[in-house]
């Protein structure tokens, strides 16, 4: 393994760690805000059945990270590195990919 491959592996591991933390915090925050809203709706007598059909901020964050990781995978492929063989790349993909694409890693 050459210097650049080692460097990419290290950078990808750090990026995965930061992205996973970001997604986890965003999901927890979103969940907390949703519980607060539902409590406020119950106190106000509003129906708690009303679902917000908007795309959540967490989903938007995940989609941007997903687009970023796809592009990074293409760049790695251009350098001759198989991104799908890098555990951190696969973990990051599964963390941010839409549910229907989590197990279909393609670059």
PDB file of N, CA and C in Angstrom:
ATOM      1  N   UNK A   1       0.849  -1.168   0.000  1.00  0.00           N
ATOM      2  CA  UNK A   1       0.000   0.000   0.000  1.00  0.00           C
ATOM      3  C   UNK A   1       0.900   1.238   0.000  1.00  0.00           C
ATOM      4  N   UNK A   2       0.638   2.142  -0.921  1.00  0.00           N
ATOM      5  CA  UNK A   2       1.493   3.326  -0.998  1.00  0.00           C
ATOM      6  C   UNK A   2       1.023   4.421  -0.041  1.00  0.00           C
ATOM      7  N   UNK A   3       1.800   5.457   0.035  1.00  0.00           N
ATOM      8  CA  UNK A   3       1.541   6.563   0.965  1.00  0.00           C
ATOM      9  C   UNK A   3       0.162   7.166   0.752  1.00  0.00           C
ATOM     10  N   UNK A   4      -0.239   7.370  -0.508  1.00  0.00           N
ATOM     11  CA  UNK A   4      -1.512   8.018  -0.800  1.00  0.00           C
ATOM     12  C   UNK A   4      -2.702   7.141  -0.423  1.00  0.00           C
ATOM     13  N   UNK A   5      -2.570   5.855  -0.596  1.00  0.00           N
ATOM     14  CA  UNK A   5      -3.653   4.952  -0.179  1.00  0.00           C
ATOM     15  C   UNK A   5      -3.810   4.970   1.337  1.00  0.00           C
ATOM     16  N   UNK A   6      -2.703   4.971   2.050  1.00  0.00           N
ATOM     17  CA  UNK A   6      -2.754   5.042   3.514  1.00  0.00           C
ATOM     18  C   UNK A   6      -3.377   6.368   3.943  1.00  0.00           C
ATOM     19  N   UNK A   7      -2.978   7.438   3.276  1.00  0.00           N
ATOM     20  CA  UNK A   7      -3.525   8.760   3.591  1.00  0.00           C
ATOM     21  C   UNK A   7      -5.034   8.790   3.363  1.00  0.00           C
ATOM     22  N   UNK A   8      -5.504   8.236   2.235  1.00  0.00           N
ATOM     23  CA  UNK A   8      -6.941   8.190   1.953  1.00  0.00           C
ATOM     24  C   UNK A   8      -7.676   7.364   3.003  1.00  0.00           C
ATOM     25  N   UNK A   9      -7.099   6.260   3.422  1.00  0.00           N
ATOM     26  CA  UNK A   9      -7.732   5.430   4.448  1.00  0.00           C
ATOM     27  C   UNK A   9      -7.874   6.194   5.756  1.00  0.00           C
ATOM     28  N   UNK A  10      -6.842   6.904   6.134  1.00  0.00           N
ATOM     29  CA  UNK A  10      -6.890   7.672   7.378  1.00  0.00           C
ATOM     30  C   UNK A  10      -7.893   8.818   7.279  1.00  0.00           C
ATOM     31  N   UNK A  11      -7.870   9.527   6.165  1.00  0.00           N
ATOM     32  CA  UNK A  11      -8.817  10.635   5.983  1.00  0.00           C
ATOM     33  C   UNK A  11     -10.261  10.134   5.978  1.00  0.00           C
ATOM     34  N   UNK A  12     -10.479   9.020   5.319  1.00  0.00           N
ATOM     35  CA  UNK A  12     -11.824   8.459   5.250  1.00  0.00           C
ATOM     36  C   UNK A  12     -12.307   8.015   6.622  1.00  0.00           C
ATOM     37  N   UNK A  13     -11.424   7.442   7.415  1.00  0.00           N
ATOM     38  CA  UNK A  13     -11.799   7.021   8.772  1.00  0.00           C
ATOM     39  C   UNK A  13     -12.189   8.231   9.619  1.00  0.00           C
ATOM     40  N   UNK A  14     -11.440   9.309   9.505  1.00  0.00           N
ATOM     41  CA  UNK A  14     -11.751  10.532  10.257  1.00  0.00           C
ATOM     42  C   UNK A  14     -13.064  11.133   9.757  1.00  0.00           C
ATOM     43  N   UNK A  15     -13.239  11.182   8.444  1.00  0.00           N
ATOM     44  CA  UNK A  15     -14.461  11.730   7.857  1.00  0.00           C
ATOM     45  C   UNK A  15     -15.678  10.923   8.301  1.00  0.00           C
ATOM     46  N   UNK A  16     -15.540   9.600   8.284  1.00  0.00           N
ATOM     47  CA  UNK A  16     -16.640   8.741   8.732  1.00  0.00           C
ATOM     48  C   UNK A  16     -16.999   9.046  10.188  1.00  0.00           C
ATOM     49  N   UNK A  17     -15.998   9.148  11.026  1.00  0.00           N
ATOM     50  CA  UNK A  17     -16.241   9.412  12.449  1.00  0.00           C
ATOM     51  C   UNK A  17     -16.988  10.731  12.639  1.00  0.00           C
ATOM     52  N   UNK A  18     -16.537  11.770  11.952  1.00  0.00           N
ATOM     53  CA  UNK A  18     -17.185  13.082  12.067  1.00  0.00           C
ATOM     54  C   UNK A  18     -18.597  13.066  11.484  1.00  0.00           C
ATOM     55  N   UNK A  19     -18.759  12.447  10.329  1.00  0.00           N
ATOM     56  CA  UNK A  19     -20.079  12.398   9.684  1.00  0.00           C
ATOM     57  C   UNK A  19     -21.061  11.578  10.518  1.00  0.00           C
ATOM     58  N   UNK A  20     -20.607  10.447  11.043  1.00  0.00           N
ATOM     59  CA  UNK A  20     -21.487   9.610  11.868  1.00  0.00           C
ATOM     60  C   UNK A  20     -21.913  10.358  13.124  1.00  0.00           C
ATOM     61  N   UNK A  21     -20.984  11.079  13.748  1.00  0.00           N
ATOM     62  CA  UNK A  21     -21.337  11.885  14.920  1.00  0.00           C
ATOM     63  C   UNK A  21     -22.360  12.954  14.558  1.00  0.00           C
ATOM     64  N   UNK A  22     -22.150  13.621  13.436  1.00  0.00           N
ATOM     65  CA  UNK A  22     -23.070  14.659  12.985  1.00  0.00           C
ATOM     66  C   UNK A  22     -24.471  14.087  12.769  1.00  0.00           C
ATOM     67  N   UNK A  23     -24.558  12.962  12.087  1.00  0.00           N
ATOM     68  CA  UNK A  23     -25.856  12.340  11.808  1.00  0.00           C
ATOM     69  C   UNK A  23     -26.522  11.885  13.106  1.00  0.00           C
ATOM     70  N   UNK A  24     -25.766  11.293  14.004  1.00  0.00           N
ATOM     71  CA  UNK A  24     -26.343  10.838  15.279  1.00  0.00           C
ATOM     72  C   UNK A  24     -26.877  12.001  16.102  1.00  0.00           C
ATOM     73  N   UNK A  25     -26.121  13.088  16.185  1.00  0.00           N
ATOM     74  CA  UNK A  25     -26.576  14.266  16.942  1.00  0.00           C
ATOM     75  C   UNK A  25     -27.818  14.863  16.276  1.00  0.00           C
ATOM     76  N   UNK A  26     -27.810  14.939  14.951  1.00  0.00           N
ATOM     77  CA  UNK A  26     -28.961  15.498  14.239  1.00  0.00           C
ATOM     78  C   UNK A  26     -30.208  14.650  14.480  1.00  0.00           C
ATOM     79  N   UNK A  27     -30.062  13.332  14.458  1.00  0.00           N
ATOM     80  CA  UNK A  27     -31.215  12.451  14.696  1.00  0.00           C
ATOM     81  C   UNK A  27     -31.743  12.589  16.117  1.00  0.00           C
ATOM     82  N   UNK A  28     -30.841  12.667  17.077  1.00  0.00           N
ATOM     83  CA  UNK A  28     -31.268  12.826  18.475  1.00  0.00           C
ATOM     84  C   UNK A  28     -31.960  14.166  18.675  1.00  0.00           C
ATOM     85  N   UNK A  29     -31.408  15.215  18.090  1.00  0.00           N
ATOM     86  CA  UNK A  29     -32.007  16.541  18.219  1.00  0.00           C
ATOM     87  C   UNK A  29     -33.383  16.568  17.571  1.00  0.00           C
ATOM     88  N   UNK A  30     -33.478  15.989  16.386  1.00  0.00           N
ATOM     89  CA  UNK A  30     -34.757  15.943  15.687  1.00  0.00           C
ATOM     90  C   UNK A  30     -35.801  15.167  16.493  1.00  0.00           C
ATOM     91  N   UNK A  31     -35.385  14.066  17.089  1.00  0.00           N
ATOM     92  CA  UNK A  31     -36.294  13.254  17.905  1.00  0.00           C
ATOM     93  C   UNK A  31     -36.772  14.040  19.123  1.00  0.00           C
ATOM     94  N   UNK A  32     -35.857  14.745  19.770  1.00  0.00           N
ATOM     95  CA  UNK A  32     -36.226  15.557  20.938  1.00  0.00           C
ATOM     96  C   UNK A  32     -37.194  16.668  20.549  1.00  0.00           C
ATOM     97  N   UNK A  33     -36.920  17.336  19.452  1.00  0.00           N
ATOM     98  CA  UNK A  33     -37.806  18.410  19.003  1.00  0.00           C
ATOM     99  C   UNK A  33     -39.189  17.870  18.638  1.00  0.00           C
ATOM    100  N   UNK A  34     -39.214  16.693  18.061  1.00  0.00           N
ATOM    101  CA  UNK A  34     -40.503  16.090  17.701  1.00  0.00           C
ATOM    102  C   UNK A  34     -41.325  15.781  18.956  1.00  0.00           C
ATOM    103  N   UNK A  35     -40.665  15.260  20.000  1.00  0.00           N
ATOM    104  CA  UNK A  35     -41.378  14.981  21.252  1.00  0.00           C
ATOM    105  C   UNK A  35     -41.887  16.274  21.882  1.00  0.00           C
ATOM    106  N   UNK A  36     -41.104  17.330  21.825  1.00  0.00           N
ATOM    107  CA  UNK A  36     -41.524  18.619  22.380  1.00  0.00           C
ATOM    108  C   UNK A  36     -42.739  19.142  21.617  1.00  0.00           C
ATOM    109  N   UNK A  37     -42.683  19.052  20.285  1.00  0.00           N
ATOM    110  CA  UNK A  37     -43.818  19.517  19.464  1.00  0.00           C
ATOM    111  C   UNK A  37     -45.085  18.727  19.761  1.00  0.00           C
ATOM    112  N   UNK A  38     -44.937  17.402  19.886  1.00  0.00           N
ATOM    113  CA  UNK A  38     -46.108  16.563  20.170  1.00  0.00           C
ATOM    114  C   UNK A  38     -46.695  16.896  21.531  1.00  0.00           C
ATOM    115  N   UNK A  39     -45.842  17.153  22.517  1.00  0.00           N
ATOM    116  CA  UNK A  39     -46.328  17.551  23.838  1.00  0.00           C
ATOM    117  C   UNK A  39     -47.068  18.877  23.786  1.00  0.00           C
ATOM    118  N   UNK A  40     -46.525  19.821  23.017  1.00  0.00           N
ATOM    119  CA  UNK A  40     -47.172  21.124  22.872  1.00  0.00           C
ATOM    120  C   UNK A  40     -48.509  20.984  22.159  1.00  0.00           C
ATOM    121  N   UNK A  41     -48.571  20.107  21.156  1.00  0.00           N
ATOM    122  CA  UNK A  41     -49.831  19.896  20.436  1.00  0.00           C
ATOM    123  C   UNK A  41     -50.881  19.298  21.365  1.00  0.00           C
ATOM    124  N   UNK A  42     -50.462  18.343  22.202  1.00  0.00           N
ATOM    125  CA  UNK A  42     -51.419  17.730  23.134  1.00  0.00           C
ATOM    126  C   UNK A  42     -51.933  18.760  24.138  1.00  0.00           C
ATOM    127  N   UNK A  43     -51.030  19.596  24.629  1.00  0.00           N
ATOM    128  CA  UNK A  43     -51.459  20.618  25.593  1.00  0.00           C
ATOM    129  C   UNK A  43     -52.388  21.637  24.954  1.00  0.00           C
ATOM    130  N   UNK A  44     -52.180  21.905  23.673  1.00  0.00           N
ATOM    131  CA  UNK A  44     -53.010  22.880  22.973  1.00  0.00           C
ATOM    132  C   UNK A  44     -54.296  22.253  22.449  1.00  0.00           C
ATOM    133  N   UNK A  45     -54.409  20.944  22.568  1.00  0.00           N
ATOM    134  CA  UNK A  45     -55.610  20.258  22.095  1.00  0.00           C
ATOM    135  C   UNK A  45     -55.590  19.952  20.617  1.00  0.00           C
ATOM    136  N   UNK A  46     -54.459  20.161  19.970  1.00  0.00           N
ATOM    137  CA  UNK A  46     -54.357  19.862  18.539  1.00  0.00           C
ATOM    138  C   UNK A  46     -54.213  18.363  18.352  1.00  0.00           C
ATOM    139  N   UNK A  47     -54.574  17.913  17.200  1.00  0.00           N
ATOM    140  CA  UNK A  47     -54.459  16.491  16.888  1.00  0.00           C
ATOM    141  C   UNK A  47     -52.993  16.100  16.769  1.00  0.00           C
ATOM    142  N   UNK A  48     -52.618  15.031  17.459  1.00  0.00           N
ATOM    143  CA  UNK A  48     -51.233  14.559  17.383  1.00  0.00           C
ATOM    144  C   UNK A  48     -51.038  13.632  16.192  1.00  0.00           C
ATOM    145  N   UNK A  49     -52.124  13.413  15.428  1.00  0.00           N
ATOM    146  CA  UNK A  49     -52.030  12.551  14.248  1.00  0.00           C
ATOM    147  C   UNK A  49     -51.425  13.275  13.056  1.00  0.00           C
ATOM    148  N   UNK A  50     -51.341  14.578  13.151  1.00  0.00           N
ATOM    149  CA  UNK A  50     -50.834  15.361  12.017  1.00  0.00           C
ATOM    150  C   UNK A  50     -49.348  15.073  11.849  1.00  0.00           C
ATOM    151  N   UNK A  51     -49.005  14.580  10.679  1.00  0.00           N
ATOM    152  CA  UNK A  51     -47.611  14.265  10.385  1.00  0.00           C
ATOM    153  C   UNK A  51     -47.035  15.357   9.496  1.00  0.00           C
ATOM    154  N   UNK A  52     -45.814  15.724   9.763  1.00  0.00           N
ATOM    155  CA  UNK A  52     -45.125  16.708   8.950  1.00  0.00           C
ATOM    156  C   UNK A  52     -44.522  15.976   7.758  1.00  0.00           C
ATOM    157  N   UNK A  53     -45.013  16.256   6.562  1.00  0.00           N
ATOM    158  CA  UNK A  53     -44.565  15.554   5.363  1.00  0.00           C
ATOM    159  C   UNK A  53     -43.330  16.181   4.735  1.00  0.00           C
ATOM    160  N   UNK A  54     -42.783  17.206   5.363  1.00  0.00           N
ATOM    161  CA  UNK A  54     -41.590  17.840   4.828  1.00  0.00           C
ATOM    162  C   UNK A  54     -40.377  16.950   5.053  1.00  0.00           C
ATOM    163  N   UNK A  55     -39.370  17.142   4.217  1.00  0.00           N
ATOM    164  CA  UNK A  55     -38.113  16.418   4.382  1.00  0.00           C
ATOM    165  C   UNK A  55     -37.401  17.019   5.593  1.00  0.00           C
ATOM    166  N   UNK A  56     -36.963  16.153   6.495  1.00  0.00           N
ATOM    167  CA  UNK A  56     -36.326  16.644   7.711  1.00  0.00           C
ATOM    168  C   UNK A  56     -34.930  17.165   7.431  1.00  0.00           C
ATOM    169  N   UNK A  57     -34.432  17.995   8.340  1.00  0.00           N
ATOM    170  CA  UNK A  57     -33.068  18.502   8.218  1.00  0.00           C
ATOM    171  C   UNK A  57     -32.065  17.354   8.253  1.00  0.00           C
ATOM    172  N   UNK A  58     -32.341  16.347   9.060  1.00  0.00           N
ATOM    173  CA  UNK A  58     -31.448  15.185   9.137  1.00  0.00           C
ATOM    174  C   UNK A  58     -31.398  14.470   7.795  1.00  0.00           C
ATOM    175  N   UNK A  59     -32.541  14.319   7.153  1.00  0.00           N
ATOM    176  CA  UNK A  59     -32.564  13.690   5.829  1.00  0.00           C
ATOM    177  C   UNK A  59     -31.773  14.507   4.810  1.00  0.00           C
ATOM    178  N   UNK A  60     -31.873  15.821   4.906  1.00  0.00           N
ATOM    179  CA  UNK A  60     -31.116  16.690   3.994  1.00  0.00           C
ATOM    180  C   UNK A  60     -29.614  16.558   4.241  1.00  0.00           C
ATOM    181  N   UNK A  61     -29.222  16.511   5.507  1.00  0.00           N
ATOM    182  CA  UNK A  61     -27.807  16.337   5.855  1.00  0.00           C
ATOM    183  C   UNK A  61     -27.303  15.007   5.313  1.00  0.00           C
ATOM    184  N   UNK A  62     -28.081  13.958   5.542  1.00  0.00           N
ATOM    185  CA  UNK A  62     -27.684  12.622   5.064  1.00  0.00           C
ATOM    186  C   UNK A  62     -27.578  12.586   3.547  1.00  0.00           C
ATOM    187  N   UNK A  63     -28.499  13.231   2.854  1.00  0.00           N
ATOM    188  CA  UNK A  63     -28.450  13.218   1.390  1.00  0.00           C
ATOM    189  C   UNK A  63     -27.207  13.949   0.889  1.00  0.00           C
ATOM    190  N   UNK A  64     -26.861  15.063   1.509  1.00  0.00           N
ATOM    191  CA  UNK A  64     -25.654  15.772   1.068  1.00  0.00           C
ATOM    192  C   UNK A  64     -24.411  14.936   1.336  1.00  0.00           C
ATOM    193  N   UNK A  65     -24.351  14.307   2.506  1.00  0.00           N
ATOM    194  CA  UNK A  65     -23.213  13.438   2.811  1.00  0.00           C
ATOM    195  C   UNK A  65     -23.173  12.246   1.856  1.00  0.00           C
ATOM    196  N   UNK A  66     -24.330  11.737   1.486  1.00  0.00           N
ATOM    197  CA  UNK A  66     -24.411  10.628   0.544  1.00  0.00           C
ATOM    198  C   UNK A  66     -23.867  11.043  -0.822  1.00  0.00           C
ATOM    199  N   UNK A  67     -24.268  12.219  -1.284  1.00  0.00           N
ATOM    200  CA  UNK A  67     -23.750  12.723  -2.554  1.00  0.00           C
ATOM    201  C   UNK A  67     -22.240  12.915  -2.475  1.00  0.00           C
ATOM    202  N   UNK A  68     -21.772  13.428  -1.339  1.00  0.00           N
ATOM    203  CA  UNK A  68     -20.330  13.640  -1.154  1.00  0.00           C
ATOM    204  C   UNK A  68     -19.561  12.324  -1.179  1.00  0.00           C
ATOM    205  N   UNK A  69     -20.079  11.302  -0.503  1.00  0.00           N
ATOM    206  CA  UNK A  69     -19.370  10.026  -0.429  1.00  0.00           C
ATOM    207  C   UNK A  69     -19.394   9.336  -1.794  1.00  0.00           C
ATOM    208  N   UNK A  70     -20.460   9.520  -2.566  1.00  0.00           N
ATOM    209  CA  UNK A  70     -20.484   8.968  -3.920  1.00  0.00           C
ATOM    210  C   UNK A  70     -19.390   9.609  -4.776  1.00  0.00           C
ATOM    211  N   UNK A  71     -19.282  10.909  -4.700  1.00  0.00           N
ATOM    212  CA  UNK A  71     -18.262  11.610  -5.483  1.00  0.00           C
ATOM    213  C   UNK A  71     -16.858  11.217  -5.032  1.00  0.00           C
ATOM    214  N   UNK A  72     -16.671  11.097  -3.736  1.00  0.00           N
ATOM    215  CA  UNK A  72     -15.373  10.675  -3.218  1.00  0.00           C
ATOM    216  C   UNK A  72     -15.029   9.270  -3.732  1.00  0.00           C
ATOM    217  N   UNK A  73     -16.001   8.396  -3.772  1.00  0.00           N
ATOM    218  CA  UNK A  73     -15.785   7.051  -4.298  1.00  0.00           C
ATOM    219  C   UNK A  73     -15.383   7.077  -5.762  1.00  0.00           C
ATOM    220  N   UNK A  74     -16.021   7.958  -6.538  1.00  0.00           N
ATOM    221  CA  UNK A  74     -15.649   8.088  -7.953  1.00  0.00           C
ATOM    222  C   UNK A  74     -14.218   8.601  -8.078  1.00  0.00           C
ATOM    223  N   UNK A  75     -13.848   9.550  -7.228  1.00  0.00           N
ATOM    224  CA  UNK A  75     -12.476  10.071  -7.256  1.00  0.00           C
ATOM    225  C   UNK A  75     -11.468   8.997  -6.880  1.00  0.00           C
ATOM    226  N   UNK A  76     -11.809   8.185  -5.885  1.00  0.00           N
ATOM    227  CA  UNK A  76     -10.916   7.090  -5.511  1.00  0.00           C
ATOM    228  C   UNK A  76     -10.769   6.098  -6.665  1.00  0.00           C
ATOM    229  N   UNK A  77     -11.877   5.808  -7.330  1.00  0.00           N
ATOM    230  CA  UNK A  77     -11.841   4.887  -8.471  1.00  0.00           C
ATOM    231  C   UNK A  77     -10.935   5.421  -9.572  1.00  0.00           C
ATOM    232  N   UNK A  78     -10.989   6.721  -9.801  1.00  0.00           N
ATOM    233  CA  UNK A  78     -10.130   7.338 -10.817  1.00  0.00           C
ATOM    234  C   UNK A  78      -8.650   7.178 -10.466  1.00  0.00           C
ATOM    235  N   UNK A  79      -8.376   7.040  -9.162  1.00  0.00           N
ATOM    236  CA  UNK A  79      -6.994   6.836  -8.709  1.00  0.00           C
ATOM    237  C   UNK A  79      -6.633   5.358  -8.637  1.00  0.00           C
ATOM    238  N   UNK A  80      -7.581   4.499  -8.979  1.00  0.00           N
ATOM    239  CA  UNK A  80      -7.327   3.066  -8.952  1.00  0.00           C
ATOM    240  C   UNK A  80      -7.600   2.399  -7.614  1.00  0.00           C
ATOM    241  N   UNK A  81      -8.261   3.122  -6.705  1.00  0.00           N
ATOM    242  CA  UNK A  81      -8.585   2.584  -5.383  1.00  0.00           C
ATOM    243  C   UNK A  81     -10.036   2.118  -5.398  1.00  0.00           C
ATOM    244  N   UNK A  82     -10.283   0.904  -4.925  1.00  0.00           N
ATOM    245  CA  UNK A  82     -11.643   0.359  -4.874  1.00  0.00           C
ATOM    246  C   UNK A  82     -12.288   0.758  -3.549  1.00  0.00           C
ATOM    247  N   UNK A  83     -13.130   1.773  -3.613  1.00  0.00           N
ATOM    248  CA  UNK A  83     -13.769   2.302  -2.408  1.00  0.00           C
ATOM    249  C   UNK A  83     -14.603   1.251  -1.689  1.00  0.00           C
ATOM    250  N   UNK A  84     -15.232   0.351  -2.440  1.00  0.00           N
ATOM    251  CA  UNK A  84     -16.106  -0.651  -1.827  1.00  0.00           C
ATOM    252  C   UNK A  84     -15.329  -1.657  -0.977  1.00  0.00           C
ATOM    253  N   UNK A  85     -14.021  -1.658  -1.094  1.00  0.00           N
ATOM    254  CA  UNK A  85     -13.188  -2.553  -0.291  1.00  0.00           C
ATOM    255  C   UNK A  85     -12.662  -1.877   0.975  1.00  0.00           C
ATOM    256  N   UNK A  86     -13.052  -0.620   1.189  1.00  0.00           N
ATOM    257  CA  UNK A  86     -12.597   0.132   2.359  1.00  0.00           C
ATOM    258  C   UNK A  86     -13.720   0.102   3.399  1.00  0.00           C
ATOM    259  N   UNK A  87     -13.477  -0.529   4.556  1.00  0.00           N
ATOM    260  CA  UNK A  87     -14.538  -0.643   5.571  1.00  0.00           C
ATOM    261  C   UNK A  87     -15.147   0.695   5.995  1.00  0.00           C
ATOM    262  N   UNK A  88     -14.333   1.729   6.170  1.00  0.00           N
ATOM    263  CA  UNK A  88     -14.870   3.027   6.590  1.00  0.00           C
ATOM    264  C   UNK A  88     -15.778   3.613   5.512  1.00  0.00           C
ATOM    265  N   UNK A  89     -15.444   3.402   4.254  1.00  0.00           N
ATOM    266  CA  UNK A  89     -16.284   3.887   3.152  1.00  0.00           C
ATOM    267  C   UNK A  89     -17.643   3.184   3.196  1.00  0.00           C
ATOM    268  N   UNK A  90     -17.609   1.869   3.358  1.00  0.00           N
ATOM    269  CA  UNK A  90     -18.857   1.095   3.415  1.00  0.00           C
ATOM    270  C   UNK A  90     -19.703   1.493   4.620  1.00  0.00           C
ATOM    271  N   UNK A  91     -19.065   1.715   5.754  1.00  0.00           N
ATOM    272  CA  UNK A  91     -19.795   2.127   6.960  1.00  0.00           C
ATOM    273  C   UNK A  91     -20.425   3.495   6.761  1.00  0.00           C
ATOM    274  N   UNK A  92     -19.682   4.417   6.175  1.00  0.00           N
ATOM    275  CA  UNK A  92     -20.215   5.751   5.924  1.00  0.00           C
ATOM    276  C   UNK A  92     -21.372   5.681   4.944  1.00  0.00           C
ATOM    277  N   UNK A  93     -21.227   4.877   3.909  1.00  0.00           N
ATOM    278  CA  UNK A  93     -22.302   4.707   2.924  1.00  0.00           C
ATOM    279  C   UNK A  93     -23.581   4.264   3.632  1.00  0.00           C
ATOM    280  N   UNK A  94     -23.477   3.224   4.467  1.00  0.00           N
ATOM    281  CA  UNK A  94     -24.663   2.700   5.155  1.00  0.00           C
ATOM    282  C   UNK A  94     -25.237   3.722   6.146  1.00  0.00           C
ATOM    283  N   UNK A  95     -24.385   4.569   6.692  1.00  0.00           N
ATOM    284  CA  UNK A  95     -24.833   5.568   7.670  1.00  0.00           C
ATOM    285  C   UNK A  95     -25.688   6.651   7.012  1.00  0.00           C
ATOM    286  N   UNK A  96     -25.339   7.056   5.793  1.00  0.00           N
ATOM    287  CA  UNK A  96     -25.992   8.220   5.182  1.00  0.00           C
ATOM    288  C   UNK A  96     -26.869   7.898   3.980  1.00  0.00           C
ATOM    289  N   UNK A  97     -26.775   6.687   3.439  1.00  0.00           N
ATOM    290  CA  UNK A  97     -27.549   6.344   2.243  1.00  0.00           C
ATOM    291  C   UNK A  97     -29.034   6.240   2.561  1.00  0.00           C
ATOM    292  N   UNK A  98     -29.872   6.552   1.582  1.00  0.00           N
ATOM    293  CA  UNK A  98     -31.306   6.315   1.760  1.00  0.00           C
ATOM    294  C   UNK A  98     -31.528   4.822   2.021  1.00  0.00           C
ATOM    295  N   UNK A  99     -32.575   4.488   2.756  1.00  0.00           N
ATOM    296  CA  UNK A  99     -32.804   3.085   3.144  1.00  0.00           C
ATOM    297  C   UNK A  99     -32.761   2.090   1.984  1.00  0.00           C
ATOM    298  N   UNK A 100     -33.257   2.480   0.829  1.00  0.00           N
ATOM    299  CA  UNK A 100     -33.300   1.559  -0.308  1.00  0.00           C
ATOM    300  C   UNK A 100     -31.940   1.376  -0.989  1.00  0.00           C
ATOM    301  N   UNK A 101     -30.931   2.155  -0.570  1.00  0.00           N
ATOM    302  CA  UNK A 101     -29.608   2.050  -1.191  1.00  0.00           C
ATOM    303  C   UNK A 101     -28.496   1.696  -0.212  1.00  0.00           C
ATOM    304  N   UNK A 102     -28.848   1.397   1.032  1.00  0.00           N
ATOM    305  CA  UNK A 102     -27.831   1.161   2.047  1.00  0.00           C
ATOM    306  C   UNK A 102     -26.966  -0.052   1.763  1.00  0.00           C
ATOM    307  N   UNK A 103     -27.514  -1.068   1.158  1.00  0.00           N
ATOM    308  CA  UNK A 103     -26.735  -2.283   0.906  1.00  0.00           C
ATOM    309  C   UNK A 103     -26.269  -2.403  -0.536  1.00  0.00           C
ATOM    310  N   UNK A 104     -26.533  -1.408  -1.347  1.00  0.00           N
ATOM    311  CA  UNK A 104     -26.150  -1.434  -2.761  1.00  0.00           C
ATOM    312  C   UNK A 104     -25.051  -0.411  -3.014  1.00  0.00           C
ATOM    313  N   UNK A 105     -23.874  -0.678  -2.509  1.00  0.00           N
ATOM    314  CA  UNK A 105     -22.768   0.268  -2.651  1.00  0.00           C
ATOM    315  C   UNK A 105     -22.238   0.178  -4.073  1.00  0.00           C
ATOM    316  N   UNK A 106     -22.361   1.288  -4.792  1.00  0.00           N
ATOM    317  CA  UNK A 106     -21.823   1.333  -6.146  1.00  0.00           C
ATOM    318  C   UNK A 106     -21.157   2.675  -6.379  1.00  0.00           C
ATOM    319  N   UNK A 107     -20.086   2.618  -7.122  1.00  0.00           N
ATOM    320  CA  UNK A 107     -19.307   3.827  -7.387  1.00  0.00           C
ATOM    321  C   UNK A 107     -19.229   4.037  -8.883  1.00  0.00           C
TER     322      UNK A 107
END
